[in-house]
Amino acid sequence: LIGLILWQTKSINWSEPNQTKKITILLLTWCVIPPLMGAFLGQYVPKYFVISLPALSLLIGAAIAVIKNNRSRLLLSILLFVIIIPSTITIALNPIFSWYSLTNYIEKNETNKSAIMAIPFNEALSIKYYYRGTQPIFGVYPTEDNLSLDERIVRYNWQMISSNNYADWMREHVVNRDKIFFLQYNGDDNLGVDWFKNNGWKLNKQLAAKGHINITLFEFYAPGYYQTTSSTSARTN
């Protein structure tokens, strides 16, 4: 994509007055290809679409500029303003996403025997970057292989986990744990949340992250767990 844009940029003689067609093709390429590639490859991540916004803005501005009637131009500008401004205000006044809204809660409520789990497994890296506690962090990866973490991320980072070996993996990683902080990308029940509920763990709290990215924290108590006045002294019967 970058090569194509650079090639088109090089083909434009910016000193000549009549380069509208080539510039338009350049902007259309810049505007259309990233979203199409993201959709084709199944990568619905905002950063792959935001790159198109400068070109889209220039095309909209150019479309308004060619309108000769001042009243029509004003009405179109007002219409675009009305459409765009509500979401603009929402984005401007709210964080896109903050791990701290979740990691701060974990740090205040963790115990000496608690642990953190995350789906997809690669999010364990993000949590480790912001988390300032002392308990282990596990990316849920029940597949048995000899791949390095880097290769696992390249191959499988956004794929849904399968039920194969999942129960065994979970039992192994919750041994001697009195509390698990389980993170995933939505607030609905799935294989991970269901496993805890079906194995006697109690859901104490469900906390959605602040911002526009839908990540949810589930705090589970182990069977027989009770909490004393201090989180560090919480233990199981």
C-alpha atoms as a PDB file:
ATOM      1  CA  LEU A   1       0.000   0.000   0.000  1.00  0.00           C
ATOM      2  CA  ILE A   2       2.751   2.452   0.956  1.00  0.00           C
ATOM      3  CA  GLY A   3       4.627   1.588  -2.235  1.00  0.00           C
ATOM      4  CA  LEU A   4       1.521   2.165  -4.352  1.00  0.00           C
ATOM      5  CA  ILE A   5       0.847   5.542  -2.759  1.00  0.00           C
ATOM      6  CA  LEU A   6       4.482   6.597  -3.170  1.00  0.00           C
ATOM      7  CA  TRP A   7       4.433   5.491  -6.812  1.00  0.00           C
ATOM      8  CA  GLN A   8       1.295   7.540  -7.469  1.00  0.00           C
ATOM      9  CA  THR A   9       2.751  10.518  -5.615  1.00  0.00           C
ATOM     10  CA  LYS A  10       5.883  10.364  -7.733  1.00  0.00           C
ATOM     11  CA  SER A  11       3.820  10.275 -10.932  1.00  0.00           C
ATOM     12  CA  ILE A  12       2.214  13.626 -10.116  1.00  0.00           C
ATOM     13  CA  ASN A  13       3.903  16.752 -11.377  1.00  0.00           C
ATOM     14  CA  TRP A  14       2.892  19.110  -8.595  1.00  0.00           C
ATOM     15  CA  SER A  15       4.064  22.176 -10.508  1.00  0.00           C
ATOM     16  CA  GLU A  16       1.500  21.632 -13.289  1.00  0.00           C
ATOM     17  CA  PRO A  17      -1.939  23.190 -12.727  1.00  0.00           C
ATOM     18  CA  ASN A  18      -4.062  20.332 -14.123  1.00  0.00           C
ATOM     19  CA  GLN A  19      -3.216  17.362 -11.918  1.00  0.00           C
ATOM     20  CA  THR A  20      -6.675  16.929 -10.391  1.00  0.00           C
ATOM     21  CA  LYS A  21      -7.286  13.471 -11.844  1.00  0.00           C
ATOM     22  CA  LYS A  22      -4.005  11.998 -10.600  1.00  0.00           C
ATOM     23  CA  ILE A  23      -4.369  13.583  -7.164  1.00  0.00           C
ATOM     24  CA  THR A  24      -7.917  12.254  -6.905  1.00  0.00           C
ATOM     25  CA  ILE A  25      -6.736   8.742  -7.791  1.00  0.00           C
ATOM     26  CA  LEU A  26      -4.012   9.028  -5.158  1.00  0.00           C
ATOM     27  CA  LEU A  27      -6.502  10.099  -2.476  1.00  0.00           C
ATOM     28  CA  LEU A  28      -8.996   7.390  -3.455  1.00  0.00           C
ATOM     29  CA  THR A  29      -6.260   4.756  -3.241  1.00  0.00           C
ATOM     30  CA  TRP A  30      -5.229   6.046   0.165  1.00  0.00           C
ATOM     31  CA  CYS A  31      -8.836   6.213   1.332  1.00  0.00           C
ATOM     32  CA  VAL A  32     -10.255   2.932   0.032  1.00  0.00           C
ATOM     33  CA  ILE A  33      -7.517   0.297   0.080  1.00  0.00           C
ATOM     34  CA  PRO A  34      -6.756   0.130   3.854  1.00  0.00           C
ATOM     35  CA  PRO A  35     -10.401  -0.559   4.854  1.00  0.00           C
ATOM     36  CA  LEU A  36     -10.796  -3.065   2.017  1.00  0.00           C
ATOM     37  CA  MET A  37      -7.618  -4.897   2.987  1.00  0.00           C
ATOM     38  CA  GLY A  38      -8.644  -4.898   6.645  1.00  0.00           C
ATOM     39  CA  ALA A  39     -12.076  -6.311   5.784  1.00  0.00           C
ATOM     40  CA  PHE A  40     -10.628  -8.905   3.403  1.00  0.00           C
ATOM     41  CA  LEU A  41      -8.104 -10.100   5.999  1.00  0.00           C
ATOM     42  CA  GLY A  42     -10.580  -9.935   8.902  1.00  0.00           C
ATOM     43  CA  GLN A  43      -8.578  -7.260  10.754  1.00  0.00           C
ATOM     44  CA  TYR A  44     -11.301  -5.002  12.144  1.00  0.00           C
ATOM     45  CA  VAL A  45      -8.889  -2.951  14.232  1.00  0.00           C
ATOM     46  CA  PRO A  46      -9.422   0.860  14.310  1.00  0.00           C
ATOM     47  CA  LYS A  47      -5.767   1.699  13.650  1.00  0.00           C
ATOM     48  CA  TYR A  48      -5.995   0.051  10.207  1.00  0.00           C
ATOM     49  CA  PHE A  49      -8.878   2.338   9.254  1.00  0.00           C
ATOM     50  CA  VAL A  50      -7.765   5.606  10.864  1.00  0.00           C
ATOM     51  CA  ILE A  51      -4.944   5.839   8.317  1.00  0.00           C
ATOM     52  CA  SER A  52      -7.591   6.562   5.653  1.00  0.00           C
ATOM     53  CA  LEU A  53      -9.119   9.531   7.453  1.00  0.00           C
ATOM     54  CA  PRO A  54      -6.748  12.256   6.146  1.00  0.00           C
ATOM     55  CA  ALA A  55      -7.474  11.254   2.545  1.00  0.00           C
ATOM     56  CA  LEU A  56     -11.191  11.016   3.238  1.00  0.00           C
ATOM     57  CA  SER A  57     -11.170  14.495   4.768  1.00  0.00           C
ATOM     58  CA  LEU A  58      -9.406  15.934   1.720  1.00  0.00           C
ATOM     59  CA  LEU A  59     -11.895  14.257  -0.644  1.00  0.00           C
ATOM     60  CA  ILE A  60     -14.863  15.603   1.328  1.00  0.00           C
ATOM     61  CA  GLY A  61     -13.322  19.074   1.345  1.00  0.00           C
ATOM     62  CA  ALA A  62     -12.702  18.905  -2.402  1.00  0.00           C
ATOM     63  CA  ALA A  63     -16.287  17.761  -3.015  1.00  0.00           C
ATOM     64  CA  ILE A  64     -17.620  20.734  -1.069  1.00  0.00           C
ATOM     65  CA  ALA A  65     -15.233  23.118  -2.839  1.00  0.00           C
ATOM     66  CA  VAL A  66     -16.510  22.244  -6.337  1.00  0.00           C
ATOM     67  CA  ILE A  67     -20.078  23.181  -5.416  1.00  0.00           C
ATOM     68  CA  LYS A  68     -20.670  26.584  -6.961  1.00  0.00           C
ATOM     69  CA  ASN A  69     -23.864  27.485  -5.161  1.00  0.00           C
ATOM     70  CA  ASN A  70     -22.944  29.033  -1.817  1.00  0.00           C
ATOM     71  CA  ARG A  71     -26.244  28.024  -0.198  1.00  0.00           C
ATOM     72  CA  SER A  72     -25.849  24.389  -1.246  1.00  0.00           C
ATOM     73  CA  ARG A  73     -22.271  24.386  -0.012  1.00  0.00           C
ATOM     74  CA  LEU A  74     -23.350  25.794   3.356  1.00  0.00           C
ATOM     75  CA  LEU A  75     -26.198  23.273   3.729  1.00  0.00           C
ATOM     76  CA  LEU A  76     -23.878  20.355   2.917  1.00  0.00           C
ATOM     77  CA  SER A  77     -21.296  21.626   5.403  1.00  0.00           C
ATOM     78  CA  ILE A  78     -23.968  21.917   8.117  1.00  0.00           C
ATOM     79  CA  LEU A  79     -25.232  18.394   7.350  1.00  0.00           C
ATOM     80  CA  LEU A  80     -21.742  16.915   7.666  1.00  0.00           C
ATOM     81  CA  PHE A  81     -21.178  18.883  10.856  1.00  0.00           C
ATOM     82  CA  VAL A  82     -24.413  17.532  12.388  1.00  0.00           C
ATOM     83  CA  ILE A  83     -23.488  13.953  11.452  1.00  0.00           C
ATOM     84  CA  ILE A  84     -19.905  14.095  12.678  1.00  0.00           C
ATOM     85  CA  ILE A  85     -20.029  16.295  15.782  1.00  0.00           C
ATOM     86  CA  PRO A  86     -21.856  13.914  18.205  1.00  0.00           C
ATOM     87  CA  SER A  87     -19.339  11.086  17.777  1.00  0.00           C
ATOM     88  CA  THR A  88     -16.494  13.619  17.758  1.00  0.00           C
ATOM     89  CA  ILE A  89     -17.579  14.979  21.153  1.00  0.00           C
ATOM     90  CA  THR A  90     -17.933  11.452  22.555  1.00  0.00           C
ATOM     91  CA  ILE A  91     -14.456  10.453  21.419  1.00  0.00           C
ATOM     92  CA  ALA A  92     -12.918  13.737  22.583  1.00  0.00           C
ATOM     93  CA  LEU A  93     -14.381  13.500  26.092  1.00  0.00           C
ATOM     94  CA  ASN A  94     -13.742   9.808  26.703  1.00  0.00           C
ATOM     95  CA  PRO A  95     -10.548   7.737  26.615  1.00  0.00           C
ATOM     96  CA  ILE A  96     -10.182   5.285  23.758  1.00  0.00           C
ATOM     97  CA  PHE A  97      -9.097   2.688  26.303  1.00  0.00           C
ATOM     98  CA  SER A  98      -7.146   2.481  29.513  1.00  0.00           C
ATOM     99  CA  TRP A  99      -5.707  -0.669  31.076  1.00  0.00           C
ATOM    100  CA  TYR A 100      -5.310   1.224  34.340  1.00  0.00           C
ATOM    101  CA  SER A 101      -9.041   1.066  35.070  1.00  0.00           C
ATOM    102  CA  LEU A 102      -8.606  -2.719  35.319  1.00  0.00           C
ATOM    103  CA  THR A 103      -5.054  -3.094  36.608  1.00  0.00           C
ATOM    104  CA  ASN A 104      -5.667  -0.615  39.438  1.00  0.00           C
ATOM    105  CA  TYR A 105      -8.604  -2.710  40.608  1.00  0.00           C
ATOM    106  CA  ILE A 106      -6.546  -5.896  40.448  1.00  0.00           C
ATOM    107  CA  GLU A 107      -3.679  -4.334  42.405  1.00  0.00           C
ATOM    108  CA  LYS A 108      -6.050  -3.229  45.184  1.00  0.00           C
ATOM    109  CA  ASN A 109      -7.867  -6.570  45.439  1.00  0.00           C
ATOM    110  CA  GLU A 110      -5.254  -9.214  44.670  1.00  0.00           C
ATOM    111  CA  THR A 111      -4.145 -11.735  47.292  1.00  0.00           C
ATOM    112  CA  ASN A 112      -0.983 -13.732  47.828  1.00  0.00           C
ATOM    113  CA  LYS A 113      -2.602 -16.649  46.001  1.00  0.00           C
ATOM    114  CA  SER A 114      -4.432 -14.842  43.210  1.00  0.00           C
ATOM    115  CA  ALA A 115      -3.575 -14.858  39.497  1.00  0.00           C
ATOM    116  CA  ILE A 116      -4.544 -13.065  36.291  1.00  0.00           C
ATOM    117  CA  MET A 117      -5.735 -14.796  33.107  1.00  0.00           C
ATOM    118  CA  ALA A 118      -6.425 -13.230  29.704  1.00  0.00           C
ATOM    119  CA  ILE A 119      -8.090 -14.233  26.434  1.00  0.00           C
ATOM    120  CA  PRO A 120      -6.685 -13.868  23.833  1.00  0.00           C
ATOM    121  CA  PHE A 121      -3.372 -15.007  25.292  1.00  0.00           C
ATOM    122  CA  ASN A 122      -1.329 -12.239  23.670  1.00  0.00           C
ATOM    123  CA  GLU A 123      -3.057  -9.628  25.866  1.00  0.00           C
ATOM    124  CA  ALA A 124      -0.946 -10.920  28.748  1.00  0.00           C
ATOM    125  CA  LEU A 125       1.860  -8.781  27.281  1.00  0.00           C
ATOM    126  CA  SER A 126      -0.253  -5.613  27.506  1.00  0.00           C
ATOM    127  CA  ILE A 127      -1.326  -6.389  31.053  1.00  0.00           C
ATOM    128  CA  LYS A 128       2.281  -6.986  32.143  1.00  0.00           C
ATOM    129  CA  TYR A 129       3.228  -3.566  30.796  1.00  0.00           C
ATOM    130  CA  TYR A 130       0.666  -1.694  32.947  1.00  0.00           C
ATOM    131  CA  TYR A 131       0.246  -4.027  35.914  1.00  0.00           C
ATOM    132  CA  ARG A 132       2.269  -3.099  39.017  1.00  0.00           C
ATOM    133  CA  GLY A 133       1.244  -5.999  41.247  1.00  0.00           C
ATOM    134  CA  THR A 134       3.141  -9.144  42.145  1.00  0.00           C
ATOM    135  CA  GLN A 135       0.944 -12.036  41.028  1.00  0.00           C
ATOM    136  CA  PRO A 136       1.443 -14.154  37.865  1.00  0.00           C
ATOM    137  CA  ILE A 137      -0.258 -13.403  34.541  1.00  0.00           C
ATOM    138  CA  PHE A 138      -1.312 -16.241  32.242  1.00  0.00           C
ATOM    139  CA  GLY A 139      -2.408 -15.913  28.643  1.00  0.00           C
ATOM    140  CA  VAL A 140      -4.976 -18.674  28.066  1.00  0.00           C
ATOM    141  CA  TYR A 141      -3.339 -20.976  25.535  1.00  0.00           C
ATOM    142  CA  PRO A 142      -4.494 -24.606  25.979  1.00  0.00           C
ATOM    143  CA  THR A 143      -2.873 -25.871  22.775  1.00  0.00           C
ATOM    144  CA  GLU A 144       0.162 -28.102  23.203  1.00  0.00           C
ATOM    145  CA  ASP A 145       2.979 -27.085  20.844  1.00  0.00           C
ATOM    146  CA  ASN A 146       6.639 -26.098  20.837  1.00  0.00           C
ATOM    147  CA  LEU A 147       6.148 -22.662  19.287  1.00  0.00           C
ATOM    148  CA  SER A 148       7.830 -19.606  20.744  1.00  0.00           C
ATOM    149  CA  LEU A 149       5.621 -16.829  22.087  1.00  0.00           C
ATOM    150  CA  ASP A 150       6.423 -14.660  19.054  1.00  0.00           C
ATOM    151  CA  GLU A 151       5.341 -17.377  16.618  1.00  0.00           C
ATOM    152  CA  ARG A 152       2.198 -18.095  18.613  1.00  0.00           C
ATOM    153  CA  ILE A 153       1.239 -14.432  18.420  1.00  0.00           C
ATOM    154  CA  VAL A 154       1.858 -14.258  14.664  1.00  0.00           C
ATOM    155  CA  ARG A 155      -0.099 -17.453  14.000  1.00  0.00           C
ATOM    156  CA  TYR A 156      -2.934 -17.405  16.504  1.00  0.00           C
ATOM    157  CA  ASN A 157      -3.157 -14.081  18.348  1.00  0.00           C
ATOM    158  CA  TRP A 158      -6.835 -13.331  17.597  1.00  0.00           C
ATOM    159  CA  GLN A 159      -8.206 -16.814  17.034  1.00  0.00           C
ATOM    160  CA  MET A 160     -10.822 -18.150  19.418  1.00  0.00           C
ATOM    161  CA  ILE A 161      -9.633 -20.850  21.765  1.00  0.00           C
ATOM    162  CA  SER A 162     -11.017 -24.337  21.240  1.00  0.00           C
ATOM    163  CA  SER A 163     -12.394 -26.641  23.904  1.00  0.00           C
ATOM    164  CA  ASN A 164      -9.667 -29.219  23.248  1.00  0.00           C
ATOM    165  CA  ASN A 165      -7.460 -29.526  26.349  1.00  0.00           C
ATOM    166  CA  TYR A 166      -9.052 -26.383  27.788  1.00  0.00           C
ATOM    167  CA  ALA A 167     -10.404 -27.975  30.960  1.00  0.00           C
ATOM    168  CA  ASP A 168      -7.050 -29.621  31.726  1.00  0.00           C
ATOM    169  CA  TRP A 169      -5.205 -26.359  31.132  1.00  0.00           C
ATOM    170  CA  MET A 170      -7.543 -24.456  33.441  1.00  0.00           C
ATOM    171  CA  ARG A 171      -7.323 -27.007  36.250  1.00  0.00           C
ATOM    172  CA  GLU A 172      -3.537 -26.890  36.061  1.00  0.00           C
ATOM    173  CA  HIS A 173      -3.373 -23.098  36.286  1.00  0.00           C
ATOM    174  CA  VAL A 174      -5.896 -22.580  39.121  1.00  0.00           C
ATOM    175  CA  VAL A 175      -4.284 -25.054  41.518  1.00  0.00           C
ATOM    176  CA  ASN A 176      -3.800 -23.407  44.948  1.00  0.00           C
ATOM    177  CA  ARG A 177      -5.343 -20.143  43.696  1.00  0.00           C
ATOM    178  CA  ASP A 178      -7.970 -18.453  45.842  1.00  0.00           C
ATOM    179  CA  LYS A 179      -8.898 -15.764  43.340  1.00  0.00           C
ATOM    180  CA  ILE A 180      -8.656 -15.385  39.555  1.00  0.00           C
ATOM    181  CA  PHE A 181      -8.935 -12.114  37.621  1.00  0.00           C
ATOM    182  CA  PHE A 182     -10.157 -13.230  34.208  1.00  0.00           C
ATOM    183  CA  LEU A 183     -10.079 -10.770  31.273  1.00  0.00           C
ATOM    184  CA  GLN A 184     -11.708 -11.089  27.867  1.00  0.00           C
ATOM    185  CA  TYR A 185     -12.980  -8.888  25.043  1.00  0.00           C
ATOM    186  CA  ASN A 186     -16.679  -8.892  25.852  1.00  0.00           C
ATOM    187  CA  GLY A 187     -19.044  -9.188  28.758  1.00  0.00           C
ATOM    188  CA  ASP A 188     -20.842 -12.298  27.543  1.00  0.00           C
ATOM    189  CA  ASP A 189     -20.367 -15.800  28.839  1.00  0.00           C
ATOM    190  CA  ASN A 190     -17.973 -17.928  26.842  1.00  0.00           C
ATOM    191  CA  LEU A 191     -15.810 -20.986  27.274  1.00  0.00           C
ATOM    192  CA  GLY A 192     -13.626 -19.292  29.879  1.00  0.00           C
ATOM    193  CA  VAL A 193     -16.343 -17.756  32.056  1.00  0.00           C
ATOM    194  CA  ASP A 194     -18.484 -20.896  31.828  1.00  0.00           C
ATOM    195  CA  TRP A 195     -15.619 -23.069  33.058  1.00  0.00           C
ATOM    196  CA  PHE A 196     -15.349 -21.120  36.314  1.00  0.00           C
ATOM    197  CA  LYS A 197     -19.108 -21.181  36.911  1.00  0.00           C
ATOM    198  CA  ASN A 198     -19.353 -24.895  36.138  1.00  0.00           C
ATOM    199  CA  ASN A 199     -16.504 -25.734  38.515  1.00  0.00           C
ATOM    200  CA  GLY A 200     -17.777 -24.045  41.645  1.00  0.00           C
ATOM    201  CA  TRP A 201     -16.040 -20.677  41.349  1.00  0.00           C
ATOM    202  CA  LYS A 202     -18.076 -17.670  42.468  1.00  0.00           C
ATOM    203  CA  LEU A 203     -18.286 -14.531  40.334  1.00  0.00           C
ATOM    204  CA  ASN A 204     -17.648 -11.665  42.765  1.00  0.00           C
ATOM    205  CA  LYS A 205     -17.377  -8.742  40.352  1.00  0.00           C
ATOM    206  CA  GLN A 206     -17.704  -7.973  36.648  1.00  0.00           C
ATOM    207  CA  LEU A 207     -15.957  -4.750  35.617  1.00  0.00           C
ATOM    208  CA  ALA A 208     -15.931  -3.203  32.146  1.00  0.00           C
ATOM    209  CA  ALA A 209     -12.867  -1.200  31.132  1.00  0.00           C
ATOM    210  CA  LYS A 210     -13.210   2.539  30.638  1.00  0.00           C
ATOM    211  CA  GLY A 211     -13.138   3.633  27.025  1.00  0.00           C
ATOM    212  CA  HIS A 212     -14.433   2.433  23.678  1.00  0.00           C
ATOM    213  CA  ILE A 213     -12.723  -0.974  23.637  1.00  0.00           C
ATOM    214  CA  ASN A 214     -14.958  -3.641  25.127  1.00  0.00           C
ATOM    215  CA  ILE A 215     -12.718  -5.495  27.584  1.00  0.00           C
ATOM    216  CA  THR A 216     -14.270  -6.990  30.720  1.00  0.00           C
ATOM    217  CA  LEU A 217     -12.699  -8.153  33.969  1.00  0.00           C
ATOM    218  CA  PHE A 218     -14.293 -11.047  35.885  1.00  0.00           C
ATOM    219  CA  GLU A 219     -13.204 -11.575  39.480  1.00  0.00           C
ATOM    220  CA  PHE A 220     -13.767 -15.181  40.566  1.00  0.00           C
ATOM    221  CA  TYR A 221     -13.472 -16.616  44.070  1.00  0.00           C
ATOM    222  CA  ALA A 222     -12.320 -20.203  44.446  1.00  0.00           C
ATOM    223  CA  PRO A 223     -14.703 -22.775  45.956  1.00  0.00           C
ATOM    224  CA  GLY A 224     -14.608 -22.374  49.748  1.00  0.00           C
ATOM    225  CA  TYR A 225     -12.982 -18.937  49.579  1.00  0.00           C
ATOM    226  CA  TYR A 226     -13.875 -16.284  52.126  1.00  0.00           C
ATOM    227  CA  GLN A 227     -12.497 -12.762  52.495  1.00  0.00           C
ATOM    228  CA  THR A 228     -11.286 -11.186  55.724  1.00  0.00           C
ATOM    229  CA  THR A 229     -10.903  -7.476  56.362  1.00  0.00           C
ATOM    230  CA  SER A 230      -7.558  -7.365  54.525  1.00  0.00           C
ATOM    231  CA  SER A 231      -7.213  -8.506  50.925  1.00  0.00           C
ATOM    232  CA  THR A 232      -3.738  -9.849  51.654  1.00  0.00           C
ATOM    233  CA  SER A 233      -5.103 -12.116  54.353  1.00  0.00           C
ATOM    234  CA  ALA A 234      -7.915 -13.612  52.265  1.00  0.00           C
ATOM    235  CA  ARG A 235      -7.685 -17.375  52.212  1.00  0.00           C
ATOM    236  CA  THR A 236      -9.607 -20.556  51.530  1.00  0.00           C
ATOM    237  CA  ASN A 237     -11.151 -22.893  54.047  1.00  0.00           C
END
